[in-house]
PDB file of N, CA and C in Angstrom:
ATOM      1  N   UNK A   1     101.053 117.745  79.002  1.00  0.00           N
ATOM      2  CA  UNK A   1     102.287 118.372  79.557  1.00  0.00           C
ATOM      3  C   UNK A   1     102.756 116.884  80.413  1.00  0.00           C
ATOM      4  N   UNK A   2     102.022 116.242  81.088  1.00  0.00           N
ATOM      5  CA  UNK A   2     102.426 115.128  81.915  1.00  0.00           C
ATOM      6  C   UNK A   2     102.985 114.161  80.742  1.00  0.00           C
ATOM      7  N   UNK A   3     102.187 113.760  79.970  1.00  0.00           N
ATOM      8  CA  UNK A   3     102.472 112.832  78.937  1.00  0.00           C
ATOM      9  C   UNK A   3     103.883 113.074  78.275  1.00  0.00           C
ATOM     10  N   UNK A   4     104.267 114.474  78.009  1.00  0.00           N
ATOM     11  CA  UNK A   4     105.353 114.939  77.255  1.00  0.00           C
ATOM     12  C   UNK A   4     106.471 114.812  78.216  1.00  0.00           C
ATOM     13  N   UNK A   5     106.244 115.128  79.513  1.00  0.00           N
ATOM     14  CA  UNK A   5     107.327 114.944  80.372  1.00  0.00           C
ATOM     15  C   UNK A   5     107.860 113.346  80.669  1.00  0.00           C
ATOM     16  N   UNK A   6     106.861 112.445  80.728  1.00  0.00           N
ATOM     17  CA  UNK A   6     107.042 111.108  80.844  1.00  0.00           C
ATOM     18  C   UNK A   6     107.959 110.775  79.607  1.00  0.00           C
ATOM     19  N   UNK A   7     107.321 110.970  78.394  1.00  0.00           N
ATOM     20  CA  UNK A   7     108.170 110.758  77.110  1.00  0.00           C
ATOM     21  C   UNK A   7     109.464 111.239  77.301  1.00  0.00           C
ATOM     22  N   UNK A   8     109.676 112.326  77.679  1.00  0.00           N
ATOM     23  CA  UNK A   8     111.083 113.019  77.833  1.00  0.00           C
ATOM     24  C   UNK A   8     112.012 112.533  78.876  1.00  0.00           C
ATOM     25  N   UNK A   9     111.469 111.601  79.632  1.00  0.00           N
ATOM     26  CA  UNK A   9     112.340 110.772  80.563  1.00  0.00           C
ATOM     27  C   UNK A   9     112.478 111.509  81.951  1.00  0.00           C
ATOM     28  N   UNK A  10     111.407 112.319  82.141  1.00  0.00           N
ATOM     29  CA  UNK A  10     111.409 113.066  83.448  1.00  0.00           C
ATOM     30  C   UNK A  10     111.461 112.228  84.820  1.00  0.00           C
ATOM     31  N   UNK A  11     110.594 110.997  84.677  1.00  0.00           N
ATOM     32  CA  UNK A  11     110.590 110.408  85.760  1.00  0.00           C
ATOM     33  C   UNK A  11     112.262 109.855  86.207  1.00  0.00           C
ATOM     34  N   UNK A  12     112.916 109.488  85.153  1.00  0.00           N
ATOM     35  CA  UNK A  12     114.309 109.113  85.299  1.00  0.00           C
ATOM     36  C   UNK A  12     115.001 110.082  85.896  1.00  0.00           C
ATOM     37  N   UNK A  13     114.911 111.518  85.488  1.00  0.00           N
ATOM     38  CA  UNK A  13     115.771 112.629  86.051  1.00  0.00           C
ATOM     39  C   UNK A  13     115.275 112.834  87.455  1.00  0.00           C
ATOM     40  N   UNK A  14     114.037 112.550  87.845  1.00  0.00           N
ATOM     41  CA  UNK A  14     113.746 112.800  89.318  1.00  0.00           C
ATOM     42  C   UNK A  14     114.094 111.759  90.054  1.00  0.00           C
ATOM     43  N   UNK A  15     114.140 110.512  89.560  1.00  0.00           N
ATOM     44  CA  UNK A  15     114.727 109.345  90.268  1.00  0.00           C
ATOM     45  C   UNK A  15     116.208 109.603  90.536  1.00  0.00           C
ATOM     46  N   UNK A  16     116.893 109.904  89.645  1.00  0.00           N
ATOM     47  CA  UNK A  16     118.257 110.315  89.818  1.00  0.00           C
ATOM     48  C   UNK A  16     118.491 111.464  90.856  1.00  0.00           C
ATOM     49  N   UNK A  17     117.717 112.268  90.918  1.00  0.00           N
ATOM     50  CA  UNK A  17     117.699 113.414  92.111  1.00  0.00           C
ATOM     51  C   UNK A  17     117.473 112.914  93.322  1.00  0.00           C
ATOM     52  N   UNK A  18     116.409 112.129  93.481  1.00  0.00           N
ATOM     53  CA  UNK A  18     116.025 111.285  94.536  1.00  0.00           C
ATOM     54  C   UNK A  18     117.242 110.091  95.070  1.00  0.00           C
ATOM     55  N   UNK A  19     117.749 109.620  94.262  1.00  0.00           N
ATOM     56  CA  UNK A  19     118.941 108.798  94.483  1.00  0.00           C
ATOM     57  C   UNK A  19     120.199 109.312  94.937  1.00  0.00           C
ATOM     58  N   UNK A  20     120.339 110.661  94.334  1.00  0.00           N
ATOM     59  CA  UNK A  20     121.262 111.548  94.654  1.00  0.00           C
ATOM     60  C   UNK A  20     121.077 112.143  96.117  1.00  0.00           C
ATOM     61  N   UNK A  21     120.178 112.591  96.467  1.00  0.00           N
ATOM     62  CA  UNK A  21     119.490 113.033  97.914  1.00  0.00           C
ATOM     63  C   UNK A  21     119.869 111.651  98.949  1.00  0.00           C
ATOM     64  N   UNK A  22     119.460 110.670  98.499  1.00  0.00           N
ATOM     65  CA  UNK A  22     119.715 109.461  99.544  1.00  0.00           C
ATOM     66  C   UNK A  22     121.104 109.278  99.670  1.00  0.00           C
ATOM     67  N   UNK A  23     122.092 109.392  98.655  1.00  0.00           N
ATOM     68  CA  UNK A  23     123.473 109.015  98.582  1.00  0.00           C
ATOM     69  C   UNK A  23     124.070 110.060  99.496  1.00  0.00           C
ATOM     70  N   UNK A  24     123.708 111.233  99.207  1.00  0.00           N
ATOM     71  CA  UNK A  24     124.426 112.669  99.974  1.00  0.00           C
ATOM     72  C   UNK A  24     124.010 112.405 101.420  1.00  0.00           C
ATOM     73  N   UNK A  25     122.821 112.063 101.847  1.00  0.00           N
ATOM     74  CA  UNK A  25     122.331 111.843 103.323  1.00  0.00           C
ATOM     75  C   UNK A  25     123.228 110.704 103.833  1.00  0.00           C
ATOM     76  N   UNK A  26     123.287 109.526 103.175  1.00  0.00           N
ATOM     77  CA  UNK A  26     124.007 108.387 103.634  1.00  0.00           C
ATOM     78  C   UNK A  26     125.442 108.658 103.624  1.00  0.00           C
ATOM     79  N   UNK A  27     126.060 109.542 103.112  1.00  0.00           N
ATOM     80  CA  UNK A  27     127.470 109.865 103.213  1.00  0.00           C
ATOM     81  C   UNK A  27     127.517 110.724 104.488  1.00  0.00           C
ATOM     82  N   UNK A  28     126.652 111.748 104.526  1.00  0.00           N
ATOM     83  CA  UNK A  28     126.827 112.679 105.718  1.00  0.00           C
ATOM     84  C   UNK A  28     126.562 112.182 107.206  1.00  0.00           C
ATOM     85  N   UNK A  29     125.420 111.073 107.036  1.00  0.00           N
ATOM     86  CA  UNK A  29     124.954 110.510 108.310  1.00  0.00           C
ATOM     87  C   UNK A  29     125.402 109.078 108.393  1.00  0.00           C
ATOM     88  N   UNK A  30     126.564 108.835 108.098  1.00  0.00           N
ATOM     89  CA  UNK A  30     127.111 107.341 108.065  1.00  0.00           C
ATOM     90  C   UNK A  30     126.645 106.603 109.217  1.00  0.00           C
ATOM     91  N   UNK A  31     125.994 105.330 108.872  1.00  0.00           N
ATOM     92  CA  UNK A  31     125.428 104.436 109.707  1.00  0.00           C
ATOM     93  C   UNK A  31     124.147 104.744 110.379  1.00  0.00           C
ATOM     94  N   UNK A  32     123.677 106.121 110.395  1.00  0.00           N
ATOM     95  CA  UNK A  32     122.480 106.429 111.062  1.00  0.00           C
ATOM     96  C   UNK A  32     121.236 106.645 109.990  1.00  0.00           C
ATOM     97  N   UNK A  33     121.443 106.494 108.913  1.00  0.00           N
ATOM     98  CA  UNK A  33     120.279 106.812 107.866  1.00  0.00           C
ATOM     99  C   UNK A  33     119.803 105.348 107.367  1.00  0.00           C
ATOM    100  N   UNK A  34     118.402 105.254 107.548  1.00  0.00           N
ATOM    101  CA  UNK A  34     117.829 104.020 107.114  1.00  0.00           C
ATOM    102  C   UNK A  34     116.634 104.352 106.045  1.00  0.00           C
ATOM    103  N   UNK A  35     116.580 103.626 105.147  1.00  0.00           N
ATOM    104  CA  UNK A  35     115.442 103.825 104.115  1.00  0.00           C
ATOM    105  C   UNK A  35     114.294 103.018 104.671  1.00  0.00           C
ATOM    106  N   UNK A  36     113.322 103.711 104.456  1.00  0.00           N
ATOM    107  CA  UNK A  36     111.769 103.147 104.808  1.00  0.00           C
ATOM    108  C   UNK A  36     111.268 102.667 103.773  1.00  0.00           C
ATOM    109  N   UNK A  37     111.143 101.380 103.448  1.00  0.00           N
ATOM    110  CA  UNK A  37     110.690 100.897 101.936  1.00  0.00           C
ATOM    111  C   UNK A  37     111.773 100.332 101.374  1.00  0.00           C
ATOM    112  N   UNK A  38     111.205  99.556 100.094  1.00  0.00           N
ATOM    113  CA  UNK A  38     112.103  98.985  99.259  1.00  0.00           C
ATOM    114  C   UNK A  38     113.262  99.753  98.506  1.00  0.00           C
ATOM    115  N   UNK A  39     114.238  99.362  98.159  1.00  0.00           N
ATOM    116  CA  UNK A  39     115.356 100.150  97.509  1.00  0.00           C
ATOM    117  C   UNK A  39     114.964 100.337  96.139  1.00  0.00           C
ATOM    118  N   UNK A  40     114.155  99.355  95.592  1.00  0.00           N
ATOM    119  CA  UNK A  40     113.904  99.223  94.026  1.00  0.00           C
ATOM    120  C   UNK A  40     112.311  99.284  94.254  1.00  0.00           C
ATOM    121  N   UNK A  41     111.862  99.397  93.092  1.00  0.00           N
ATOM    122  CA  UNK A  41     110.331  99.309  92.970  1.00  0.00           C
ATOM    123  C   UNK A  41     109.648 100.164  93.648  1.00  0.00           C
ATOM    124  N   UNK A  42     109.843 101.569  93.565  1.00  0.00           N
ATOM    125  CA  UNK A  42     109.236 102.596  94.546  1.00  0.00           C
ATOM    126  C   UNK A  42     108.962 103.980  93.651  1.00  0.00           C
ATOM    127  N   UNK A  43     108.236 104.642  94.156  1.00  0.00           N
ATOM    128  CA  UNK A  43     108.034 106.019  93.367  1.00  0.00           C
ATOM    129  C   UNK A  43     109.440 106.627  93.102  1.00  0.00           C
ATOM    130  N   UNK A  44     109.347 107.234  91.854  1.00  0.00           N
ATOM    131  CA  UNK A  44     110.691 107.957  91.495  1.00  0.00           C
ATOM    132  C   UNK A  44     110.885 109.280  92.267  1.00  0.00           C
ATOM    133  N   UNK A  45     109.838 109.755  92.728  1.00  0.00           N
ATOM    134  CA  UNK A  45     110.081 111.155  93.438  1.00  0.00           C
ATOM    135  C   UNK A  45     110.109 111.157  94.904  1.00  0.00           C
ATOM    136  N   UNK A  46     109.975 110.081  95.643  1.00  0.00           N
ATOM    137  CA  UNK A  46     109.885 110.068  97.018  1.00  0.00           C
ATOM    138  C   UNK A  46     110.872 109.298  97.612  1.00  0.00           C
ATOM    139  N   UNK A  47     111.331 109.881  98.648  1.00  0.00           N
ATOM    140  CA  UNK A  47     112.516 109.360  99.691  1.00  0.00           C
ATOM    141  C   UNK A  47     111.853 109.319 101.177  1.00  0.00           C
ATOM    142  N   UNK A  48     111.567 108.312 101.733  1.00  0.00           N
ATOM    143  CA  UNK A  48     111.304 108.001 103.181  1.00  0.00           C
ATOM    144  C   UNK A  48     112.370 107.512 103.702  1.00  0.00           C
ATOM    145  N   UNK A  49     112.927 108.176 104.948  1.00  0.00           N
ATOM    146  CA  UNK A  49     114.019 107.702 105.500  1.00  0.00           C
ATOM    147  C   UNK A  49     113.787 108.149 106.973  1.00  0.00           C
ATOM    148  N   UNK A  50     114.781 107.342 107.931  1.00  0.00           N
ATOM    149  CA  UNK A  50     114.762 107.695 109.265  1.00  0.00           C
ATOM    150  C   UNK A  50     116.196 107.943 109.439  1.00  0.00           C
ATOM    151  N   UNK A  51     116.593 108.785 110.523  1.00  0.00           N
ATOM    152  CA  UNK A  51     117.785 108.977 110.891  1.00  0.00           C
ATOM    153  C   UNK A  51     117.994 108.704 112.451  1.00  0.00           C
ATOM    154  N   UNK A  52     118.838 107.604 112.929  1.00  0.00           N
ATOM    155  CA  UNK A  52     118.868 107.272 114.357  1.00  0.00           C
ATOM    156  C   UNK A  52     119.348 108.440 115.064  1.00  0.00           C
ATOM    157  N   UNK A  53     118.690 108.314 116.328  1.00  0.00           N
ATOM    158  CA  UNK A  53     118.807 109.620 117.211  1.00  0.00           C
ATOM    159  C   UNK A  53     118.104 110.806 116.836  1.00  0.00           C
ATOM    160  N   UNK A  54     116.999 110.955 115.934  1.00  0.00           N
ATOM    161  CA  UNK A  54     116.533 112.090 115.647  1.00  0.00           C
ATOM    162  C   UNK A  54     115.206 111.985 115.378  1.00  0.00           C
ATOM    163  N   UNK A  55     114.365 112.628 115.756  1.00  0.00           N
ATOM    164  CA  UNK A  55     112.874 112.763 115.580  1.00  0.00           C
ATOM    165  C   UNK A  55     112.483 113.547 114.391  1.00  0.00           C
ATOM    166  N   UNK A  56     111.744 113.040 113.374  1.00  0.00           N
ATOM    167  CA  UNK A  56     111.338 113.873 112.392  1.00  0.00           C
ATOM    168  C   UNK A  56     110.899 115.000 112.433  1.00  0.00           C
ATOM    169  N   UNK A  57     109.960 115.170 113.396  1.00  0.00           N
ATOM    170  CA  UNK A  57     109.304 116.615 113.545  1.00  0.00           C
ATOM    171  C   UNK A  57     110.324 117.464 114.072  1.00  0.00           C
ATOM    172  N   UNK A  58     111.252 117.166 115.134  1.00  0.00           N
ATOM    173  CA  UNK A  58     112.337 117.953 115.504  1.00  0.00           C
ATOM    174  C   UNK A  58     113.306 118.382 114.361  1.00  0.00           C
ATOM    175  N   UNK A  59     113.546 117.517 113.360  1.00  0.00           N
ATOM    176  CA  UNK A  59     114.503 117.926 112.264  1.00  0.00           C
ATOM    177  C   UNK A  59     113.800 118.988 111.444  1.00  0.00           C
ATOM    178  N   UNK A  60     112.509 118.725 111.186  1.00  0.00           N
ATOM    179  CA  UNK A  60     111.685 119.783 110.327  1.00  0.00           C
ATOM    180  C   UNK A  60     111.603 120.971 110.909  1.00  0.00           C
ATOM    181  N   UNK A  61     111.471 121.040 112.032  1.00  0.00           N
ATOM    182  CA  UNK A  61     111.531 122.276 113.097  1.00  0.00           C
ATOM    183  C   UNK A  61     112.882 123.148 112.980  1.00  0.00           C
ATOM    184  N   UNK A  62     113.745 122.238 112.836  1.00  0.00           N
ATOM    185  CA  UNK A  62     115.326 122.864 112.852  1.00  0.00           C
ATOM    186  C   UNK A  62     115.545 123.500 111.577  1.00  0.00           C
ATOM    187  N   UNK A  63     114.912 122.987 110.552  1.00  0.00           N
ATOM    188  CA  UNK A  63     115.162 123.470 108.932  1.00  0.00           C
ATOM    189  C   UNK A  63     113.741 124.230 108.528  1.00  0.00           C
ATOM    190  N   UNK A  64     113.486 125.192 108.783  1.00  0.00           N
ATOM    191  CA  UNK A  64     112.414 125.716 108.263  1.00  0.00           C
ATOM    192  C   UNK A  64     112.421 126.026 106.820  1.00  0.00           C
ATOM    193  N   UNK A  65     113.318 126.129 106.163  1.00  0.00           N
ATOM    194  CA  UNK A  65     113.493 126.492 104.802  1.00  0.00           C
ATOM    195  C   UNK A  65     113.108 125.261 103.838  1.00  0.00           C
ATOM    196  N   UNK A  66     113.151 123.978 104.650  1.00  0.00           N
ATOM    197  CA  UNK A  66     112.752 122.783 103.813  1.00  0.00           C
ATOM    198  C   UNK A  66     111.493 122.392 103.912  1.00  0.00           C
ATOM    199  N   UNK A  67     110.874 122.285 102.681  1.00  0.00           N
ATOM    200  CA  UNK A  67     109.443 121.711 102.525  1.00  0.00           C
ATOM    201  C   UNK A  67     109.459 120.285 102.555  1.00  0.00           C
ATOM    202  N   UNK A  68     109.204 119.616 103.513  1.00  0.00           N
ATOM    203  CA  UNK A  68     109.119 118.037 103.961  1.00  0.00           C
ATOM    204  C   UNK A  68     108.177 117.748 104.770  1.00  0.00           C
ATOM    205  N   UNK A  69     107.890 116.463 105.040  1.00  0.00           N
ATOM    206  CA  UNK A  69     106.875 116.092 106.130  1.00  0.00           C
ATOM    207  C   UNK A  69     107.353 114.941 106.965  1.00  0.00           C
ATOM    208  N   UNK A  70     106.635 114.543 107.761  1.00  0.00           N
ATOM    209  CA  UNK A  70     107.201 113.300 108.636  1.00  0.00           C
ATOM    210  C   UNK A  70     106.302 112.204 108.422  1.00  0.00           C
ATOM    211  N   UNK A  71     105.298 112.295 107.434  1.00  0.00           N
ATOM    212  CA  UNK A  71     104.550 111.159 107.022  1.00  0.00           C
ATOM    213  C   UNK A  71     103.570 111.589 105.769  1.00  0.00           C
ATOM    214  N   UNK A  72     102.457 110.859 105.631  1.00  0.00           N
ATOM    215  CA  UNK A  72     101.542 111.095 104.603  1.00  0.00           C
ATOM    216  C   UNK A  72     100.590 112.387 105.015  1.00  0.00           C
ATOM    217  N   UNK A  73     100.042 112.976 104.140  1.00  0.00           N
ATOM    218  CA  UNK A  73      99.158 114.106 104.434  1.00  0.00           C
ATOM    219  C   UNK A  73      98.033 113.983 105.610  1.00  0.00           C
ATOM    220  N   UNK A  74      97.617 112.662 105.442  1.00  0.00           N
ATOM    221  CA  UNK A  74      96.414 112.151 106.306  1.00  0.00           C
ATOM    222  C   UNK A  74      97.124 112.092 107.778  1.00  0.00           C
ATOM    223  N   UNK A  75      98.455 112.020 107.968  1.00  0.00           N
ATOM    224  CA  UNK A  75      99.050 111.651 109.137  1.00  0.00           C
ATOM    225  C   UNK A  75      99.634 113.291 109.747  1.00  0.00           C
ATOM    226  N   UNK A  76      99.515 114.135 108.853  1.00  0.00           N
ATOM    227  CA  UNK A  76     100.123 115.270 109.199  1.00  0.00           C
ATOM    228  C   UNK A  76      99.815 116.157 110.621  1.00  0.00           C
ATOM    229  N   UNK A  77     100.705 116.513 111.299  1.00  0.00           N
ATOM    230  CA  UNK A  77     100.527 117.133 112.562  1.00  0.00           C
ATOM    231  C   UNK A  77     100.622 116.206 113.649  1.00  0.00           C
ATOM    232  N   UNK A  78     100.738 114.885 113.608  1.00  0.00           N
ATOM    233  CA  UNK A  78     100.720 114.033 114.857  1.00  0.00           C
ATOM    234  C   UNK A  78     102.199 113.580 114.999  1.00  0.00           C
ATOM    235  N   UNK A  79     102.655 113.291 116.181  1.00  0.00           N
ATOM    236  CA  UNK A  79     103.852 112.741 116.611  1.00  0.00           C
ATOM    237  C   UNK A  79     103.895 111.535 117.069  1.00  0.00           C
ATOM    238  N   UNK A  80     103.143 110.593 116.159  1.00  0.00           N
ATOM    239  CA  UNK A  80     102.979 109.177 116.713  1.00  0.00           C
ATOM    240  C   UNK A  80     103.535 108.443 115.518  1.00  0.00           C
ATOM    241  N   UNK A  81     103.867 107.172 115.721  1.00  0.00           N
ATOM    242  CA  UNK A  81     104.532 106.463 114.553  1.00  0.00           C
ATOM    243  C   UNK A  81     103.399 106.306 113.524  1.00  0.00           C
ATOM    244  N   UNK A  82     103.970 106.335 112.329  1.00  0.00           N
ATOM    245  CA  UNK A  82     103.127 106.296 110.993  1.00  0.00           C
ATOM    246  C   UNK A  82     102.542 104.883 111.066  1.00  0.00           C
ATOM    247  N   UNK A  83     100.939 104.826 110.793  1.00  0.00           N
ATOM    248  CA  UNK A  83     100.547 103.562 110.760  1.00  0.00           C
ATOM    249  C   UNK A  83     101.024 102.629 109.571  1.00  0.00           C
ATOM    250  N   UNK A  84     101.507 103.431 108.392  1.00  0.00           N
ATOM    251  CA  UNK A  84     101.894 102.720 107.328  1.00  0.00           C
ATOM    252  C   UNK A  84     103.329 102.023 107.526  1.00  0.00           C
ATOM    253  N   UNK A  85     104.209 102.901 108.250  1.00  0.00           N
ATOM    254  CA  UNK A  85     105.464 102.388 108.659  1.00  0.00           C
ATOM    255  C   UNK A  85     105.196 101.189 109.560  1.00  0.00           C
ATOM    256  N   UNK A  86     104.348 101.495 110.488  1.00  0.00           N
ATOM    257  CA  UNK A  86     104.163 100.271 111.724  1.00  0.00           C
ATOM    258  C   UNK A  86     103.719  98.939 110.938  1.00  0.00           C
ATOM    259  N   UNK A  87     103.022  99.200 109.939  1.00  0.00           N
ATOM    260  CA  UNK A  87     102.229  97.954 109.318  1.00  0.00           C
ATOM    261  C   UNK A  87     103.147  97.297 108.417  1.00  0.00           C
ATOM    262  N   UNK A  88     104.428  98.150 108.301  1.00  0.00           N
ATOM    263  CA  UNK A  88     105.596  97.574 107.399  1.00  0.00           C
ATOM    264  C   UNK A  88     106.539  96.949 108.145  1.00  0.00           C
ATOM    265  N   UNK A  89     106.358  97.117 109.440  1.00  0.00           N
ATOM    266  CA  UNK A  89     107.333  96.312 110.381  1.00  0.00           C
ATOM    267  C   UNK A  89     108.416  97.211 110.885  1.00  0.00           C
ATOM    268  N   UNK A  90     108.389  98.503 110.658  1.00  0.00           N
ATOM    269  CA  UNK A  90     109.308  99.554 110.989  1.00  0.00           C
ATOM    270  C   UNK A  90     109.031  99.524 112.559  1.00  0.00           C
ATOM    271  N   UNK A  91     110.034  99.452 113.346  1.00  0.00           N
ATOM    272  CA  UNK A  91     109.752  99.731 114.865  1.00  0.00           C
ATOM    273  C   UNK A  91     109.539 101.076 115.227  1.00  0.00           C
ATOM    274  N   UNK A  92     108.742 101.441 116.218  1.00  0.00           N
ATOM    275  CA  UNK A  92     108.137 102.929 116.591  1.00  0.00           C
ATOM    276  C   UNK A  92     109.210 103.862 116.692  1.00  0.00           C
ATOM    277  N   UNK A  93     110.571 103.731 117.245  1.00  0.00           N
ATOM    278  CA  UNK A  93     111.381 104.622 117.523  1.00  0.00           C
ATOM    279  C   UNK A  93     111.855 105.143 115.992  1.00  0.00           C
ATOM    280  N   UNK A  94     112.192 104.184 115.158  1.00  0.00           N
ATOM    281  CA  UNK A  94     112.598 104.627 113.784  1.00  0.00           C
ATOM    282  C   UNK A  94     111.519 105.078 113.000  1.00  0.00           C
ATOM    283  N   UNK A  95     110.142 104.771 113.263  1.00  0.00           N
ATOM    284  CA  UNK A  95     109.083 105.487 112.505  1.00  0.00           C
ATOM    285  C   UNK A  95     108.890 106.777 112.881  1.00  0.00           C
ATOM    286  N   UNK A  96     109.266 107.131 114.110  1.00  0.00           N
ATOM    287  CA  UNK A  96     109.188 108.449 114.690  1.00  0.00           C
ATOM    288  C   UNK A  96     110.103 109.523 114.164  1.00  0.00           C
ATOM    289  N   UNK A  97     111.164 108.736 113.717  1.00  0.00           N
ATOM    290  CA  UNK A  97     112.318 109.613 113.021  1.00  0.00           C
ATOM    291  C   UNK A  97     112.191 109.973 111.543  1.00  0.00           C
ATOM    292  N   UNK A  98     111.010 109.235 110.817  1.00  0.00           N
ATOM    293  CA  UNK A  98     110.926 109.102 109.479  1.00  0.00           C
ATOM    294  C   UNK A  98     110.730 110.642 108.843  1.00  0.00           C
ATOM    295  N   UNK A  99     111.149 110.782 107.782  1.00  0.00           N
ATOM    296  CA  UNK A  99     111.140 111.882 106.929  1.00  0.00           C
ATOM    297  C   UNK A  99     110.665 111.647 105.536  1.00  0.00           C
ATOM    298  N   UNK A 100     109.494 112.404 105.113  1.00  0.00           N
ATOM    299  CA  UNK A 100     109.231 112.004 103.724  1.00  0.00           C
ATOM    300  C   UNK A 100     109.702 113.197 102.864  1.00  0.00           C
ATOM    301  N   UNK A 101     110.575 112.807 101.933  1.00  0.00           N
ATOM    302  CA  UNK A 101     111.054 113.959 101.085  1.00  0.00           C
ATOM    303  C   UNK A 101     110.457 113.693  99.651  1.00  0.00           C
ATOM    304  N   UNK A 102     109.860 114.665  98.981  1.00  0.00           N
ATOM    305  CA  UNK A 102     109.335 114.338  97.574  1.00  0.00           C
ATOM    306  C   UNK A 102     109.918 115.602  96.804  1.00  0.00           C
ATOM    307  N   UNK A 103     110.332 114.939  95.419  1.00  0.00           N
ATOM    308  CA  UNK A 103     110.863 115.796  94.424  1.00  0.00           C
ATOM    309  C   UNK A 103     109.912 115.931  93.496  1.00  0.00           C
ATOM    310  N   UNK A 104     110.126 117.053  92.464  1.00  0.00           N
ATOM    311  CA  UNK A 104     108.954 117.270  91.553  1.00  0.00           C
ATOM    312  C   UNK A 104     109.722 117.817  90.392  1.00  0.00           C
ATOM    313  N   UNK A 105     108.887 118.174  89.394  1.00  0.00           N
ATOM    314  CA  UNK A 105     109.172 118.695  88.092  1.00  0.00           C
ATOM    315  C   UNK A 105     110.230 119.769  88.206  1.00  0.00           C
ATOM    316  N   UNK A 106     110.184 120.529  89.082  1.00  0.00           N
ATOM    317  CA  UNK A 106     110.869 121.834  89.022  1.00  0.00           C
ATOM    318  C   UNK A 106     112.092 121.660  90.027  1.00  0.00           C
ATOM    319  N   UNK A 107     112.299 120.372  90.701  1.00  0.00           N
ATOM    320  CA  UNK A 107     113.554 120.176  91.602  1.00  0.00           C
ATOM    321  C   UNK A 107     114.593 120.281  90.821  1.00  0.00           C
ATOM    322  N   UNK A 108     115.746 120.909  91.479  1.00  0.00           N
ATOM    323  CA  UNK A 108     117.114 120.750  90.872  1.00  0.00           C
ATOM    324  C   UNK A 108     118.248 120.074  91.656  1.00  0.00           C
ATOM    325  N   UNK A 109     119.248 119.793  91.027  1.00  0.00           N
ATOM    326  CA  UNK A 109     120.306 119.349  91.702  1.00  0.00           C
ATOM    327  C   UNK A 109     120.912 120.068  92.927  1.00  0.00           C
ATOM    328  N   UNK A 110     120.824 121.430  92.609  1.00  0.00           N
ATOM    329  CA  UNK A 110     121.443 122.346  93.861  1.00  0.00           C
ATOM    330  C   UNK A 110     120.310 122.296  94.813  1.00  0.00           C
ATOM    331  N   UNK A 111     119.111 122.162  94.669  1.00  0.00           N
ATOM    332  CA  UNK A 111     118.225 121.902  95.994  1.00  0.00           C
ATOM    333  C   UNK A 111     118.427 120.716  96.444  1.00  0.00           C
ATOM    334  N   UNK A 112     118.755 119.586  95.838  1.00  0.00           N
ATOM    335  CA  UNK A 112     119.233 118.620  96.640  1.00  0.00           C
ATOM    336  C   UNK A 112     120.316 118.565  97.410  1.00  0.00           C
ATOM    337  N   UNK A 113     121.239 119.255  96.712  1.00  0.00           N
ATOM    338  CA  UNK A 113     122.746 119.447  97.574  1.00  0.00           C
ATOM    339  C   UNK A 113     122.202 120.319  99.095  1.00  0.00           C
ATOM    340  N   UNK A 114     121.297 121.281  98.916  1.00  0.00           N
ATOM    341  CA  UNK A 114     121.073 122.139  99.893  1.00  0.00           C
ATOM    342  C   UNK A 114     120.218 121.250 100.859  1.00  0.00           C
ATOM    343  N   UNK A 115     119.262 120.395 100.591  1.00  0.00           N
ATOM    344  CA  UNK A 115     118.387 119.620 101.325  1.00  0.00           C
ATOM    345  C   UNK A 115     119.122 118.759 102.110  1.00  0.00           C
ATOM    346  N   UNK A 116     120.201 118.214 101.539  1.00  0.00           N
ATOM    347  CA  UNK A 116     121.019 117.112 102.146  1.00  0.00           C
ATOM    348  C   UNK A 116     121.809 117.791 103.227  1.00  0.00           C
ATOM    349  N   UNK A 117     122.568 118.906 102.925  1.00  0.00           N
ATOM    350  CA  UNK A 117     123.245 119.591 103.803  1.00  0.00           C
ATOM    351  C   UNK A 117     122.520 120.063 105.041  1.00  0.00           C
ATOM    352  N   UNK A 118     121.289 120.673 104.854  1.00  0.00           N
ATOM    353  CA  UNK A 118     120.355 121.229 105.996  1.00  0.00           C
ATOM    354  C   UNK A 118     119.890 120.096 106.825  1.00  0.00           C
ATOM    355  N   UNK A 119     119.475 119.165 106.301  1.00  0.00           N
ATOM    356  CA  UNK A 119     119.123 117.851 107.116  1.00  0.00           C
ATOM    357  C   UNK A 119     120.130 117.081 107.651  1.00  0.00           C
ATOM    358  N   UNK A 120     121.445 117.063 107.114  1.00  0.00           N
ATOM    359  CA  UNK A 120     122.541 116.518 107.843  1.00  0.00           C
ATOM    360  C   UNK A 120     122.977 117.232 109.178  1.00  0.00           C
ATOM    361  N   UNK A 121     122.980 118.719 109.014  1.00  0.00           N
ATOM    362  CA  UNK A 121     123.397 119.622 109.823  1.00  0.00           C
ATOM    363  C   UNK A 121     122.326 119.684 111.033  1.00  0.00           C
ATOM    364  N   UNK A 122     121.094 119.608 110.758  1.00  0.00           N
ATOM    365  CA  UNK A 122     120.022 119.451 111.678  1.00  0.00           C
ATOM    366  C   UNK A 122     120.214 118.120 112.574  1.00  0.00           C
ATOM    367  N   UNK A 123     120.584 117.072 111.782  1.00  0.00           N
ATOM    368  CA  UNK A 123     120.720 115.827 112.567  1.00  0.00           C
ATOM    369  C   UNK A 123     121.909 115.499 113.405  1.00  0.00           C
ATOM    370  N   UNK A 124     122.960 116.565 113.203  1.00  0.00           N
ATOM    371  CA  UNK A 124     124.232 116.487 113.784  1.00  0.00           C
ATOM    372  C   UNK A 124     124.001 117.082 115.193  1.00  0.00           C
ATOM    373  N   UNK A 125     123.043 118.042 115.511  1.00  0.00           N
ATOM    374  CA  UNK A 125     122.748 118.836 116.784  1.00  0.00           C
ATOM    375  C   UNK A 125     121.908 117.939 117.695  1.00  0.00           C
TER     376      UNK A 125
END
């Protein structure tokens, strides 16, 4: 199934959804959204961002309908800067605001729109 999905261009579809999510958040949070990591040469399904003035765990608590995380699985449950982001040179305050958003085979454009709206709304408060 995975080989068939790759052959059918699934990575490109997921990458387009990821980029759409990034774009929507950037539009809604003008000047406050920061990409953590390179803009190119990255996983097609993962978007790691920080929002100025917002802590990642507070945003997630405000959006219980959204399945996302503030870091990797091994960092789950801690409210300290991610060691990975810190090693990348991301300052502590920005790292504390990080959200790790992952898309998958069943992700849809409608879900991306909803996720962007929910995150933007939570970050506005």
